[in-house]
Protein backbone atom coordinates (compact mmCIF):
# COMPACT_ATOMS: atom_id res chain seq x y z
CA MET A 1 -27.91 -36.88 -69.42
CA LEU A 2 -24.85 -36.17 -67.31
CA PRO A 3 -21.73 -38.26 -68.01
CA LEU A 4 -20.84 -40.95 -65.50
CA ALA A 5 -18.22 -39.80 -63.04
CA HIS A 6 -15.69 -42.51 -63.87
CA SER A 7 -16.11 -42.46 -67.67
CA ALA A 8 -13.20 -40.03 -68.10
CA ILE A 9 -10.74 -42.56 -66.64
CA ASP A 10 -10.00 -46.02 -67.96
CA ARG A 11 -11.43 -48.75 -65.74
CA GLN A 12 -8.10 -50.45 -65.14
CA VAL A 13 -6.37 -47.15 -64.41
CA LEU A 14 -9.14 -46.21 -62.00
CA ARG A 15 -8.88 -49.55 -60.22
CA ALA A 16 -5.11 -49.20 -59.84
CA ARG A 17 -5.47 -45.67 -58.44
CA LEU A 18 -8.10 -46.80 -55.93
CA TYR A 19 -5.81 -49.57 -54.70
CA GLU A 20 -2.96 -47.09 -54.43
CA LEU A 21 -5.09 -44.66 -52.42
CA TRP A 22 -6.30 -47.48 -50.18
CA GLU A 23 -2.70 -48.45 -49.39
CA ARG A 24 -1.84 -44.79 -48.87
CA THR A 25 -4.73 -43.92 -46.55
CA GLY A 26 -5.78 -47.25 -45.06
CA PHE A 27 -9.41 -46.37 -45.85
CA GLY A 28 -11.11 -49.72 -46.45
CA GLY A 29 -13.94 -48.30 -48.55
CA LEU A 30 -11.49 -47.56 -51.36
CA ARG A 31 -10.51 -51.22 -51.61
CA ASP A 32 -14.20 -52.14 -51.82
CA LEU A 33 -14.68 -49.63 -54.61
CA ALA A 34 -11.64 -50.98 -56.48
CA GLU A 35 -13.33 -54.38 -56.38
CA ARG A 36 -16.69 -52.81 -57.38
CA ARG A 37 -18.37 -53.45 -54.05
CA VAL A 38 -20.53 -51.13 -51.95
CA PRO A 39 -18.12 -49.57 -49.41
CA GLY A 40 -18.11 -51.41 -46.10
CA THR A 41 -19.98 -54.45 -47.45
CA ALA A 42 -19.45 -57.51 -49.64
CA GLU A 43 -22.40 -56.48 -51.83
CA PRO A 44 -21.52 -55.86 -55.49
CA VAL A 45 -22.64 -52.62 -57.11
CA ALA A 46 -25.66 -53.23 -59.32
CA ASP A 47 -25.03 -50.90 -62.30
CA GLU A 48 -22.75 -48.24 -63.73
CA GLN A 49 -24.75 -45.30 -62.37
CA GLY A 50 -24.76 -46.85 -58.91
CA TYR A 51 -21.03 -47.46 -59.09
CA SER A 52 -20.42 -43.88 -60.24
CA ASP A 53 -22.43 -42.56 -57.28
CA TRP A 54 -20.73 -44.84 -54.75
CA LEU A 55 -17.33 -43.96 -56.18
CA SER A 56 -17.70 -40.21 -55.58
CA THR A 57 -19.45 -40.70 -52.25
CA GLY A 58 -16.71 -43.09 -51.06
CA LEU A 59 -13.91 -40.77 -52.16
CA MET A 60 -15.56 -37.81 -50.42
CA ASP A 61 -16.00 -39.88 -47.27
CA CYS A 62 -12.32 -40.84 -47.40
CA PHE A 63 -11.27 -37.20 -47.87
CA LYS A 64 -13.48 -36.19 -44.96
CA CYS A 65 -11.75 -38.74 -42.71
CA THR A 66 -8.15 -38.40 -43.94
CA GLY A 67 -7.81 -35.02 -45.66
CA ASP A 68 -5.59 -36.68 -48.26
CA ALA A 69 -4.93 -34.38 -51.23
CA SER A 70 -4.56 -37.27 -53.71
CA VAL A 71 -8.05 -38.49 -52.83
CA PHE A 72 -9.44 -35.01 -53.46
CA ALA A 73 -7.58 -34.82 -56.78
CA LEU A 74 -9.28 -38.01 -58.01
CA LEU A 75 -12.63 -36.74 -56.77
CA TYR A 76 -12.06 -33.56 -58.79
CA GLU A 77 -11.16 -35.48 -61.95
CA LEU A 78 -14.27 -37.62 -61.71
CA ASN A 79 -16.77 -34.80 -61.08
CA ARG A 80 -15.34 -31.76 -62.84
CA ALA A 81 -17.14 -32.45 -66.14
CA SER A 82 -20.58 -33.04 -64.61
CA PHE A 83 -20.34 -29.96 -62.39
CA ALA A 84 -19.17 -27.79 -65.30
CA HIS A 85 -22.07 -29.11 -67.42
CA ALA A 86 -24.55 -28.15 -64.68
CA ILE A 87 -23.04 -24.68 -64.28
CA GLN A 88 -23.09 -23.95 -68.00
CA GLY A 89 -26.68 -25.16 -68.28
CA GLN A 90 -27.84 -22.75 -65.59
CA LEU A 91 -25.78 -19.86 -66.97
CA ARG A 92 -27.56 -20.14 -70.34
CA ARG A 93 -30.71 -18.94 -68.57
CA SER A 94 -28.93 -16.01 -66.93
CA PHE A 95 -28.34 -12.53 -68.33
CA HIS A 96 -25.29 -11.80 -66.19
CA PRO A 97 -21.73 -12.33 -67.51
CA VAL A 98 -20.35 -14.97 -65.13
CA ASP A 99 -17.29 -17.08 -65.93
CA ALA A 100 -18.22 -20.76 -65.57
CA GLN A 101 -14.64 -21.69 -64.71
CA ASP A 102 -14.61 -19.22 -61.82
CA VAL A 103 -17.78 -20.78 -60.46
CA LEU A 104 -16.38 -24.29 -60.89
CA GLN A 105 -13.20 -23.35 -59.03
CA GLU A 106 -15.22 -21.86 -56.18
CA VAL A 107 -17.39 -25.00 -56.02
CA PHE A 108 -14.43 -27.30 -55.45
CA LEU A 109 -12.90 -24.80 -53.06
CA ASN A 110 -16.07 -25.00 -50.96
CA ILE A 111 -15.99 -28.80 -51.11
CA TYR A 112 -12.38 -28.72 -49.95
CA ARG A 113 -13.16 -26.29 -47.11
CA TYR A 114 -16.23 -28.01 -45.65
CA PRO A 115 -15.85 -31.82 -45.83
CA HIS A 116 -17.19 -32.09 -42.26
CA ARG A 117 -20.64 -31.14 -43.58
CA PHE A 118 -20.82 -34.22 -45.81
CA ALA A 119 -22.68 -37.36 -44.77
CA ALA A 120 -22.07 -40.56 -46.77
CA ASP A 121 -25.43 -42.09 -45.89
CA LYS A 122 -26.46 -43.28 -49.37
CA ALA A 123 -25.04 -43.93 -52.81
CA ASP A 124 -25.88 -40.57 -54.38
CA ALA A 125 -25.00 -38.53 -51.27
CA PHE A 126 -22.12 -36.73 -52.96
CA ARG A 127 -24.04 -36.11 -56.17
CA GLY A 128 -26.86 -34.38 -54.30
CA TRP A 129 -24.56 -32.51 -51.89
CA GLY A 130 -22.19 -31.42 -54.64
CA HIS A 131 -24.91 -30.07 -56.91
CA ARG A 132 -26.42 -28.13 -54.01
CA ILE A 133 -23.02 -26.48 -53.61
CA VAL A 134 -23.00 -25.76 -57.36
CA ARG A 135 -26.42 -24.10 -57.14
CA ASN A 136 -25.58 -22.04 -54.05
CA THR A 137 -22.20 -20.94 -55.42
CA LEU A 138 -23.72 -19.90 -58.72
CA LEU A 139 -26.43 -17.92 -56.93
CA LYS A 140 -23.74 -16.07 -54.99
CA PHE A 141 -21.97 -15.14 -58.22
CA LEU A 142 -25.21 -14.01 -59.85
CA LYS A 143 -26.18 -11.87 -56.85
CA GLY A 144 -22.77 -10.24 -56.98
CA GLN A 145 -23.26 -9.41 -60.66
CA ALA A 146 -26.75 -8.05 -59.93
CA ARG A 147 -25.31 -5.68 -57.32
CA LEU A 148 -22.73 -4.46 -59.81
CA ALA A 149 -25.48 -3.85 -62.36
CA GLN A 150 -27.10 -1.35 -60.01
CA PHE A 151 -24.06 0.88 -60.43
CA ARG A 152 -23.85 0.40 -64.19
CA ASP A 153 -27.41 1.46 -65.05
CA ILE A 154 -28.09 5.08 -64.08
CA ASP A 155 -30.58 7.02 -66.23
CA ASP A 156 -30.22 4.27 -68.85
CA GLU A 157 -26.57 5.20 -69.35
CA GLN A 158 -23.70 2.75 -69.02
CA VAL A 159 -21.14 4.02 -66.53
CA GLN A 160 -18.03 2.41 -65.17
CA PRO A 161 -18.12 1.38 -61.48
CA GLU A 162 -15.92 3.45 -59.21
CA ASP A 163 -12.32 2.32 -59.05
CA LEU A 164 -11.73 2.02 -55.32
CA ARG A 165 -7.98 1.78 -55.84
CA THR A 166 -7.74 5.46 -56.85
CA ARG A 167 -8.52 8.54 -54.77
CA ARG A 168 -11.48 10.74 -55.62
CA PRO A 169 -10.56 14.23 -56.90
CA ASP A 170 -12.08 15.97 -53.86
CA ARG A 171 -10.14 13.73 -51.50
CA ALA A 172 -6.92 14.24 -53.44
CA ALA A 173 -7.37 18.02 -53.31
CA SER A 174 -8.09 17.92 -49.59
CA GLU A 175 -5.04 15.78 -48.91
CA ALA A 176 -2.85 18.07 -51.04
CA GLU A 177 -4.06 21.11 -49.09
CA SER A 178 -3.40 19.35 -45.79
CA ALA A 179 0.04 18.28 -46.97
CA GLY A 180 0.86 21.88 -47.83
CA ALA A 181 -0.14 23.06 -44.36
CA VAL A 182 1.92 20.30 -42.75
CA ASN A 183 4.94 21.21 -44.87
CA HIS A 184 4.71 24.88 -43.84
CA ALA A 185 4.38 23.90 -40.20
CA PHE A 186 7.35 21.54 -40.42
CA VAL A 187 9.57 24.22 -41.97
CA LEU A 188 8.46 26.66 -39.28
CA TYR A 189 9.31 24.24 -36.48
CA LEU A 190 12.73 23.55 -38.02
CA GLN A 191 13.45 27.27 -38.17
CA LEU A 192 12.38 27.75 -34.57
CA TYR A 193 14.42 24.79 -33.43
CA LEU A 194 17.53 26.12 -35.17
CA MET A 195 17.03 29.59 -33.74
CA HIS A 196 16.75 28.38 -30.16
CA PHE A 197 19.44 25.75 -30.63
CA GLN A 198 21.87 28.53 -31.53
CA ARG A 199 21.00 30.28 -28.26
CA LEU A 200 22.29 27.35 -26.17
CA SER A 201 25.71 27.31 -24.59
CA PRO A 202 28.54 25.77 -26.64
CA LYS A 203 28.60 22.72 -24.35
CA GLU A 204 24.84 22.17 -24.72
CA ARG A 205 25.00 22.51 -28.50
CA LEU A 206 27.89 20.07 -28.75
CA ALA A 207 26.24 17.52 -26.43
CA LEU A 208 22.94 17.60 -28.35
CA THR A 209 24.76 17.36 -31.69
CA MET A 210 26.76 14.32 -30.58
CA VAL A 211 23.75 12.47 -29.16
CA GLU A 212 20.90 13.49 -31.47
CA VAL A 213 22.71 14.01 -34.79
CA ASP A 214 25.84 11.85 -34.67
CA GLY A 215 24.09 9.08 -32.75
CA ALA A 216 26.78 8.74 -30.09
CA SER A 217 25.90 6.95 -26.87
CA TYR A 218 25.62 8.95 -23.68
CA ARG A 219 28.74 7.24 -22.30
CA ASP A 220 30.86 8.02 -25.38
CA ALA A 221 29.64 11.62 -25.47
CA ALA A 222 30.46 12.08 -21.78
CA GLU A 223 33.99 10.78 -22.30
CA ALA A 224 34.51 13.03 -25.34
CA LEU A 225 33.33 16.09 -23.40
CA GLY A 226 35.30 15.13 -20.32
CA ILE A 227 32.28 15.17 -17.97
CA ARG A 228 30.50 12.58 -15.88
CA LEU A 229 27.64 10.59 -17.40
CA GLU A 230 25.13 12.07 -14.94
CA ASN A 231 26.26 15.58 -15.81
CA LEU A 232 25.88 14.89 -19.54
CA LYS A 233 22.32 13.73 -19.04
CA MET A 234 21.54 16.93 -17.15
CA VAL A 235 23.15 19.06 -19.89
CA ILE A 236 21.08 17.37 -22.57
CA PHE A 237 17.89 17.61 -20.50
CA ARG A 238 18.36 21.32 -19.92
CA GLY A 239 19.23 21.97 -23.56
CA ARG A 240 16.11 20.22 -24.77
CA ARG A 241 13.94 22.06 -22.25
CA LYS A 242 15.37 25.46 -23.30
CA ILE A 243 14.63 24.72 -26.95
CA LEU A 244 11.10 23.52 -26.18
CA ARG A 245 10.19 26.49 -24.02
CA GLY A 246 11.72 28.92 -26.50
CA MET A 247 9.72 27.41 -29.37
CA GLU A 248 6.52 27.65 -27.32
CA ARG A 249 7.13 31.35 -26.66
CA SER A 250 7.87 32.05 -30.32
CA LEU A 251 4.73 30.21 -31.45
CA ASP A 252 2.65 32.21 -28.98
CA ASP A 253 4.13 35.43 -30.37
CA ILE A 254 3.31 34.37 -33.93
CA ALA A 255 -0.22 33.38 -32.93
CA ARG A 256 -0.88 36.73 -31.25
CA ALA A 257 0.50 38.59 -34.24
CA ASN A 258 -1.82 36.70 -36.59
CA ASP A 259 -4.79 36.43 -34.19
CA ARG A 260 -5.03 32.63 -34.47
CA PRO A 261 -4.24 29.63 -32.23
CA ALA A 262 -0.59 28.73 -31.84
CA VAL A 263 -1.12 25.27 -33.32
CA VAL A 264 -2.03 26.77 -36.70
CA PRO A 265 1.02 27.37 -38.95
CA ALA A 266 1.81 31.08 -39.41
CA PRO A 267 2.45 32.76 -42.78
CA ARG A 268 5.98 32.95 -44.12
CA LEU A 269 8.39 34.31 -41.60
CA GLY A 270 9.62 37.15 -43.81
CA SER A 271 6.18 38.79 -43.66
CA GLN A 272 6.43 39.09 -39.87
CA ARG A 273 9.38 41.44 -39.77
CA GLY A 274 8.53 44.65 -37.97
CA THR A 275 4.99 43.48 -37.03
CA GLY A 276 5.53 41.08 -34.15
CA SER A 277 7.67 40.80 -31.06
CA GLY A 278 11.43 40.80 -30.90
CA ASN A 279 11.38 36.98 -31.02
CA VAL A 280 9.58 36.99 -34.34
CA ARG A 281 12.03 39.45 -35.89
CA THR A 282 14.96 37.46 -34.63
CA MET A 283 13.41 34.30 -36.00
CA GLY A 284 13.04 35.89 -39.42
CA ASP A 285 16.71 36.91 -39.36
CA HIS A 286 17.76 33.38 -38.52
CA SER A 287 15.51 31.77 -41.13
CA ALA A 288 16.89 34.00 -43.85
CA ALA A 289 20.41 33.06 -42.91
CA SER A 290 19.65 29.35 -42.52
CA PHE A 291 17.44 28.48 -45.48
């Protein structure tokens, strides 16, 4: 037989807490329960089981209307033992390793989340509603364990489920290969940028260095160079365009020399000497001096 909900708390202590919650929330049913009456009536509760049922039902109805955390805390204290007893009883008939405390925590979390689904229409309303939540929550846990078991039993051998937090070896190898290609391409673009940057006029190189490297504002850079702001913007625009077009031409030369699209990174620049166009040879000279 399940323990009565209020047996874990002394009767006088329980009465004092009900009065305190009534004053806190203004919910009249709690005062009736403190005086051992059916909530909303002057009718006394017939027996201990009836009072236990009305007590939990009244507290749940109060929590539904007020959302008061202290009301829910008392509801938890009164019903934790009976719910845990029901969970443990059902787990004894199960072959799946489920933690009863995890289920119990999820049960009260569901009660806390969905009070609007509760109807206080009879004395044992909360007892029936709460144990339906216990059954449904436990079934969810057991189904989850059953799905895990499908991955543990393969050819009658116990295997560990895949750790989704780590990368598979094939994916790690693929990413490493891609990272290597990206690194080669990045180094190539830096070399090309440097080569064509050095072909700019001194004014263009200085303007780009001040704005893009030193982080100077256009206005400060114009004053330092002794030119108008509009002229500085034009100098920077032309410098960037020269570098971009020069890099495009060099990439096209490398692609033709290697018979592959320009977007694919070329082999190391040193291997291109004497095999490509003049741009490629010049690029190799600059890369050797720069890196």
